[in-house]
Amino acid sequence: METIGKTTLWSFVDGKAKAQQLTNTEIRTDRGHRVTSFFDLATKVAELQFRNRDVVLLYRGQRGDHHNRYGGTSLKPSLFRPGANPKQNPPVALLEERFVQLQQAEKLLANRYKDEKLLGVERLNRHQILRWSILQHYEVCPTPLLDVTHSLRIAASFASLDAGREAFLFVLGVPNLSGAITASAEAGLQIVRLSSVCPPAAVRPHIQEGYLVGEYPELSGIDRKQHYQHFEIDLGRRLVAKFRLSPKRFWRGRTFPQVGRDALYPAASQDRLFRLALEVKKRLKV
């Protein structure tokens, strides 16, 4: 994965009211720019998109800002996140175990998908990244993909769920999107638009306006992973901005209400693909 803005990006940092030109490293190591309301956030993101016009902005909300050993924001896919020691990269043995589990989950998903006669079974069987997308989005097991969204309000709502006094919203810059799957050899990225690859029976991806981002070419196994350093598969390298918010103050007023948990996570009775994913997770050997 290539680092965005090897020269400079337009962004906001802590303590500065106006956008300025910064490097990706400066943005990652900054504390994060404080926003006081959704409207404040939206207007600043609008400026980011105008000034950084060569990229498309996607968003991710989190309760915390996880750092690498150099103090920069780290946004790794779940499969490559640290194990017991948060300050170290996962050992090879753990990565091998996770890849084996992922392969098992793929087979179970494909079989159940076929049994349920859901739309798109042929595409699911042909494209590994589609299987990964469903497994990641429904939290069946760790995958080489990272969940993001095209909706600023959805990302801010995710950041606020179960958060304490502070939460974070990350703005990522990706190449122009085209179709259900965008692959960029230049950026070293693949971006999957979930609403185009999940069947209509899947409710959650449509409500969340979900996308998945990962390496291109995809890291299909531990042998392929050996050709990459851990820092290379960190989506922090695509960070355009980092915002801090106080959930209790951020959502004051009725103009832009927070999206609630029940809306973000429709029940299994409302989402057929969620029920299927729960069955796969139950049968998965862990």
Protein backbone atom coordinates (compact mmCIF):
# COMPACT_ATOMS: atom_id res chain seq x y z
CA MET A 1 0.00 0.00 0.00
CA GLU A 2 1.35 3.41 -0.96
CA THR A 3 1.43 6.23 1.57
CA ILE A 4 -0.94 9.04 0.67
CA GLY A 5 0.41 12.55 0.32
CA LYS A 6 4.13 11.81 0.19
CA THR A 7 4.54 15.55 -0.23
CA THR A 8 1.63 17.29 1.49
CA LEU A 9 -2.10 17.06 2.16
CA TRP A 10 -4.59 19.65 3.30
CA SER A 11 -5.76 18.75 6.80
CA PHE A 12 -6.68 20.00 10.27
CA VAL A 13 -4.62 19.45 13.40
CA ASP A 14 -5.01 20.06 17.10
CA GLY A 15 -5.15 23.69 18.16
CA LYS A 16 -5.32 25.12 14.63
CA ALA A 17 -8.61 26.59 13.40
CA LYS A 18 -7.75 26.55 9.70
CA ALA A 19 -6.70 23.77 7.34
CA GLN A 20 -3.03 23.65 6.43
CA GLN A 21 -0.66 21.59 4.31
CA LEU A 22 0.74 18.61 6.21
CA THR A 23 2.37 15.25 5.62
CA ASN A 24 0.70 11.94 6.40
CA THR A 25 3.17 11.41 9.25
CA GLU A 26 2.27 14.77 10.81
CA ILE A 27 -1.42 13.89 10.65
CA ARG A 28 -0.93 10.43 12.15
CA THR A 29 1.17 11.64 15.08
CA ASP A 30 -1.08 14.60 15.87
CA ARG A 31 -3.49 14.41 18.79
CA GLY A 32 -6.44 15.05 16.47
CA HIS A 33 -8.48 18.14 15.62
CA ARG A 34 -11.36 18.83 18.01
CA VAL A 35 -14.85 19.23 16.49
CA THR A 36 -17.77 20.43 18.59
CA SER A 37 -20.78 19.26 16.57
CA PHE A 38 -21.75 17.24 13.53
CA PHE A 39 -22.20 20.45 11.54
CA ASP A 40 -18.69 21.54 12.53
CA LEU A 41 -17.34 18.17 11.38
CA ALA A 42 -19.29 18.19 8.10
CA THR A 43 -18.10 21.66 7.08
CA LYS A 44 -14.47 20.77 7.76
CA VAL A 45 -14.73 17.48 5.85
CA ALA A 46 -16.28 19.42 2.96
CA GLU A 47 -13.17 21.61 2.88
CA LEU A 48 -10.94 18.53 2.97
CA GLN A 49 -12.69 17.04 -0.04
CA PHE A 50 -12.46 20.32 -1.95
CA ARG A 51 -8.76 20.80 -1.23
CA ASN A 52 -7.72 17.14 -1.64
CA ARG A 53 -9.60 16.72 -4.88
CA ASP A 54 -7.53 13.82 -6.24
CA VAL A 55 -8.91 11.33 -3.69
CA VAL A 56 -12.28 10.08 -2.48
CA LEU A 57 -12.89 10.33 1.25
CA LEU A 58 -14.11 7.40 3.33
CA TYR A 59 -14.63 7.40 7.08
CA ARG A 60 -14.13 5.22 10.15
CA GLY A 61 -15.33 5.90 13.68
CA GLN A 62 -13.63 4.42 16.76
CA ARG A 63 -13.74 4.88 20.52
CA GLY A 64 -9.95 5.19 20.65
CA ASP A 65 -6.88 6.11 18.64
CA HIS A 66 -4.51 3.12 18.46
CA HIS A 67 -0.85 3.91 17.87
CA ASN A 68 2.09 2.12 16.32
CA ARG A 69 5.49 2.01 18.01
CA TYR A 70 6.30 5.45 16.61
CA GLY A 71 3.21 7.12 18.08
CA GLY A 72 1.27 7.36 14.82
CA THR A 73 -2.34 6.30 14.26
CA SER A 74 -2.57 2.63 13.24
CA LEU A 75 -5.60 1.35 11.32
CA LYS A 76 -4.88 -2.28 10.58
CA PRO A 77 -7.32 -4.91 9.28
CA SER A 78 -8.41 -7.28 12.04
CA LEU A 79 -6.26 -10.19 10.80
CA PHE A 80 -3.05 -8.18 11.20
CA ARG A 81 -3.76 -6.58 14.57
CA PRO A 82 -1.56 -7.35 17.59
CA GLY A 83 -2.22 -10.39 19.73
CA ALA A 84 -1.68 -10.44 23.48
CA ASN A 85 0.93 -7.66 23.37
CA PRO A 86 -0.58 -4.47 21.84
CA LYS A 87 2.88 -2.97 21.34
CA GLN A 88 4.11 -5.77 19.08
CA ASN A 89 3.12 -7.18 15.69
CA PRO A 90 1.29 -10.53 15.76
CA PRO A 91 3.66 -13.52 15.66
CA VAL A 92 3.81 -15.73 12.57
CA ALA A 93 2.10 -18.60 14.42
CA LEU A 94 -0.91 -16.41 15.22
CA LEU A 95 -1.12 -15.17 11.63
CA GLU A 96 -1.04 -18.76 10.34
CA GLU A 97 -3.84 -19.67 12.74
CA ARG A 98 -5.92 -16.73 11.60
CA PHE A 99 -5.44 -17.54 7.90
CA VAL A 100 -6.49 -21.17 8.50
CA GLN A 101 -9.59 -19.98 10.33
CA LEU A 102 -10.37 -17.58 7.48
CA GLN A 103 -10.18 -20.40 4.91
CA GLN A 104 -12.54 -22.52 7.00
CA ALA A 105 -14.97 -19.63 7.29
CA GLU A 106 -14.88 -19.04 3.53
CA LYS A 107 -15.88 -22.65 2.82
CA LEU A 108 -18.67 -22.60 5.38
CA LEU A 109 -19.97 -19.31 4.04
CA ALA A 110 -19.97 -20.50 0.42
CA ASN A 111 -21.81 -23.70 1.33
CA ARG A 112 -24.47 -21.95 3.43
CA TYR A 113 -24.85 -19.24 0.79
CA LYS A 114 -25.58 -21.91 -1.80
CA ASP A 115 -27.99 -23.76 0.50
CA GLU A 116 -29.94 -20.55 1.13
CA LYS A 117 -30.06 -19.85 -2.64
CA LEU A 118 -29.10 -16.22 -2.14
CA LEU A 119 -28.51 -13.97 -5.13
CA GLY A 120 -24.90 -13.74 -6.33
CA VAL A 121 -23.68 -17.22 -5.39
CA GLU A 122 -21.57 -17.52 -8.56
CA ARG A 123 -19.79 -14.23 -7.89
CA LEU A 124 -19.22 -15.23 -4.27
CA ASN A 125 -17.56 -18.50 -5.35
CA ARG A 126 -15.35 -16.77 -7.92
CA HIS A 127 -14.11 -13.81 -5.86
CA GLN A 128 -12.35 -14.39 -2.57
CA ILE A 129 -12.55 -10.73 -1.62
CA LEU A 130 -16.36 -10.92 -1.67
CA ARG A 131 -16.30 -13.76 0.85
CA TRP A 132 -13.87 -11.79 2.98
CA SER A 133 -16.11 -8.74 2.81
CA ILE A 134 -19.12 -10.57 4.24
CA LEU A 135 -17.07 -12.33 6.91
CA GLN A 136 -15.51 -9.05 8.00
CA HIS A 137 -18.64 -6.93 7.91
CA TYR A 138 -20.61 -9.44 9.98
CA GLU A 139 -17.67 -9.98 12.34
CA VAL A 140 -17.40 -13.74 11.76
CA CYS A 141 -13.59 -13.85 11.98
CA PRO A 142 -10.52 -11.66 11.35
CA THR A 143 -9.85 -10.82 7.69
CA PRO A 144 -7.33 -8.73 5.70
CA LEU A 145 -10.00 -6.01 5.19
CA LEU A 146 -10.91 -2.88 7.17
CA ASP A 147 -14.49 -1.63 7.61
CA VAL A 148 -15.14 1.97 6.53
CA THR A 149 -18.19 3.90 5.37
CA HIS A 150 -19.12 6.54 2.84
CA SER A 151 -21.44 8.17 5.38
CA LEU A 152 -19.97 10.73 7.75
CA ARG A 153 -22.97 10.46 10.07
CA ILE A 154 -22.70 6.67 10.26
CA ALA A 155 -18.99 6.88 11.08
CA ALA A 156 -19.59 9.50 13.80
CA SER A 157 -22.39 7.34 15.24
CA PHE A 158 -20.09 4.31 15.39
CA ALA A 159 -17.43 6.38 17.12
CA SER A 160 -19.95 7.42 19.76
CA LEU A 161 -21.24 3.93 20.60
CA ASP A 162 -20.14 2.97 24.13
CA ALA A 163 -17.54 5.75 24.02
CA GLY A 164 -16.28 7.57 27.07
CA ARG A 165 -15.47 11.25 27.17
CA GLU A 166 -13.77 11.19 23.78
CA ALA A 167 -14.10 9.38 20.46
CA PHE A 168 -12.33 9.56 17.10
CA LEU A 169 -13.31 9.86 13.46
CA PHE A 170 -10.70 9.04 10.83
CA VAL A 171 -10.81 10.32 7.25
CA LEU A 172 -9.11 8.10 4.67
CA GLY A 173 -8.21 9.05 1.11
CA VAL A 174 -8.66 6.39 -1.58
CA PRO A 175 -8.55 6.38 -5.41
CA ASN A 176 -11.65 7.22 -7.43
CA LEU A 177 -14.28 4.50 -6.97
CA SER A 178 -15.66 2.61 -9.94
CA GLY A 179 -18.20 -0.20 -9.70
CA ALA A 180 -18.57 -2.81 -6.99
CA ILE A 181 -14.83 -3.43 -6.62
CA THR A 182 -12.14 -0.82 -7.26
CA ALA A 183 -8.59 -2.13 -7.62
CA SER A 184 -5.70 0.29 -7.87
CA ALA A 185 -2.26 -1.12 -8.61
CA GLU A 186 -0.77 2.35 -8.23
CA ALA A 187 -2.15 2.84 -4.69
CA GLY A 188 -1.90 -0.85 -3.79
CA LEU A 189 -5.53 -0.89 -2.65
CA GLN A 190 -8.81 -2.70 -3.25
CA ILE A 191 -12.09 -1.09 -2.19
CA VAL A 192 -15.32 -3.10 -2.04
CA ARG A 193 -18.72 -1.39 -2.06
CA LEU A 194 -20.82 -3.70 0.10
CA SER A 195 -24.20 -2.62 -1.23
CA SER A 196 -23.15 -3.90 -4.67
CA VAL A 197 -21.84 -7.30 -3.57
CA CYS A 198 -24.31 -8.28 -0.84
CA PRO A 199 -27.76 -9.62 -1.77
CA PRO A 200 -30.91 -7.59 -1.04
CA ALA A 201 -31.54 -9.92 1.91
CA ALA A 202 -28.57 -8.27 3.65
CA VAL A 203 -29.79 -5.16 5.46
CA ARG A 204 -26.79 -4.04 7.51
CA PRO A 205 -24.43 -3.14 4.61
CA HIS A 206 -27.04 -0.90 3.01
CA ILE A 207 -27.90 0.96 6.21
CA GLN A 208 -24.26 1.43 7.13
CA GLU A 209 -23.24 2.46 3.58
CA GLY A 210 -20.34 0.11 4.14
CA TYR A 211 -17.10 -0.30 2.23
CA LEU A 212 -14.14 -2.63 2.84
CA VAL A 213 -10.55 -1.61 2.11
CA GLY A 214 -7.54 -3.91 1.76
CA GLU A 215 -4.26 -4.57 -0.01
CA TYR A 216 -3.98 -5.11 -3.76
CA PRO A 217 -2.95 -7.70 -4.78
CA GLU A 218 -4.84 -9.34 -1.93
CA LEU A 219 -2.94 -11.15 0.82
CA SER A 220 -4.50 -14.58 0.38
CA GLY A 221 -2.21 -16.47 2.75
CA ILE A 222 0.77 -16.36 5.07
CA ASP A 223 3.17 -16.94 2.13
CA ARG A 224 1.93 -13.78 0.40
CA LYS A 225 2.10 -11.86 3.68
CA GLN A 226 5.84 -12.60 3.96
CA HIS A 227 6.43 -10.19 1.06
CA TYR A 228 5.01 -7.26 3.07
CA GLN A 229 6.21 -5.47 6.18
CA HIS A 230 3.54 -4.80 8.83
CA PHE A 231 3.73 -1.04 8.36
CA GLU A 232 2.87 -1.49 4.67
CA ILE A 233 -0.56 -2.96 5.44
CA ASP A 234 -1.58 -0.22 7.85
CA LEU A 235 -4.43 1.98 6.55
CA GLY A 236 -3.01 4.76 8.66
CA ARG A 237 -0.89 5.38 5.57
CA ARG A 238 -4.06 6.65 3.86
CA LEU A 239 -5.05 9.01 6.70
CA VAL A 240 -6.11 12.47 5.54
CA ALA A 241 -7.46 13.75 8.87
CA LYS A 242 -8.11 12.72 12.46
CA PHE A 243 -10.95 14.33 14.42
CA ARG A 244 -11.70 14.16 18.15
CA LEU A 245 -15.22 14.57 19.49
CA SER A 246 -17.06 14.47 22.80
CA PRO A 247 -20.13 12.26 22.17
CA LYS A 248 -22.33 13.96 24.79
CA ARG A 249 -21.78 17.42 23.31
CA PHE A 250 -21.37 16.42 19.69
CA TRP A 251 -24.97 15.23 19.19
CA ARG A 252 -26.76 18.06 20.99
CA GLY A 253 -29.73 19.39 19.06
CA ARG A 254 -32.20 17.68 16.75
CA THR A 255 -30.90 18.68 13.34
CA PHE A 256 -28.37 15.82 13.03
CA PRO A 257 -29.32 13.06 15.52
CA GLN A 258 -27.05 10.12 16.22
CA VAL A 259 -27.92 6.85 14.49
CA GLY A 260 -28.80 4.37 17.25
CA ARG A 261 -27.40 0.91 17.83
CA ASP A 262 -30.58 -0.86 16.72
CA ALA A 263 -30.47 0.98 13.40
CA LEU A 264 -26.76 0.35 12.85
CA TYR A 265 -27.11 -3.33 13.73
CA PRO A 266 -30.48 -4.67 12.51
CA ALA A 267 -31.55 -7.82 14.33
CA ALA A 268 -31.01 -11.26 12.81
CA SER A 269 -34.76 -11.52 12.29
CA GLN A 270 -34.50 -8.53 9.90
CA ASP A 271 -31.30 -9.50 8.12
CA ARG A 272 -31.12 -12.88 6.41
CA LEU A 273 -27.39 -12.67 5.74
CA PHE A 274 -26.77 -11.85 9.40
CA ARG A 275 -28.53 -15.08 10.38
CA LEU A 276 -26.36 -16.99 7.93
CA ALA A 277 -23.20 -15.33 9.29
CA LEU A 278 -24.16 -16.28 12.85
CA GLU A 279 -24.50 -19.92 11.75
CA VAL A 280 -21.05 -19.83 10.11
CA LYS A 281 -19.48 -18.30 13.21
CA LYS A 282 -21.09 -20.95 15.43
CA ARG A 283 -19.71 -23.79 13.30
CA LEU A 284 -16.27 -22.24 12.86
CA LYS A 285 -13.43 -23.99 14.65
CA VAL A 286 -11.66 -21.53 16.93
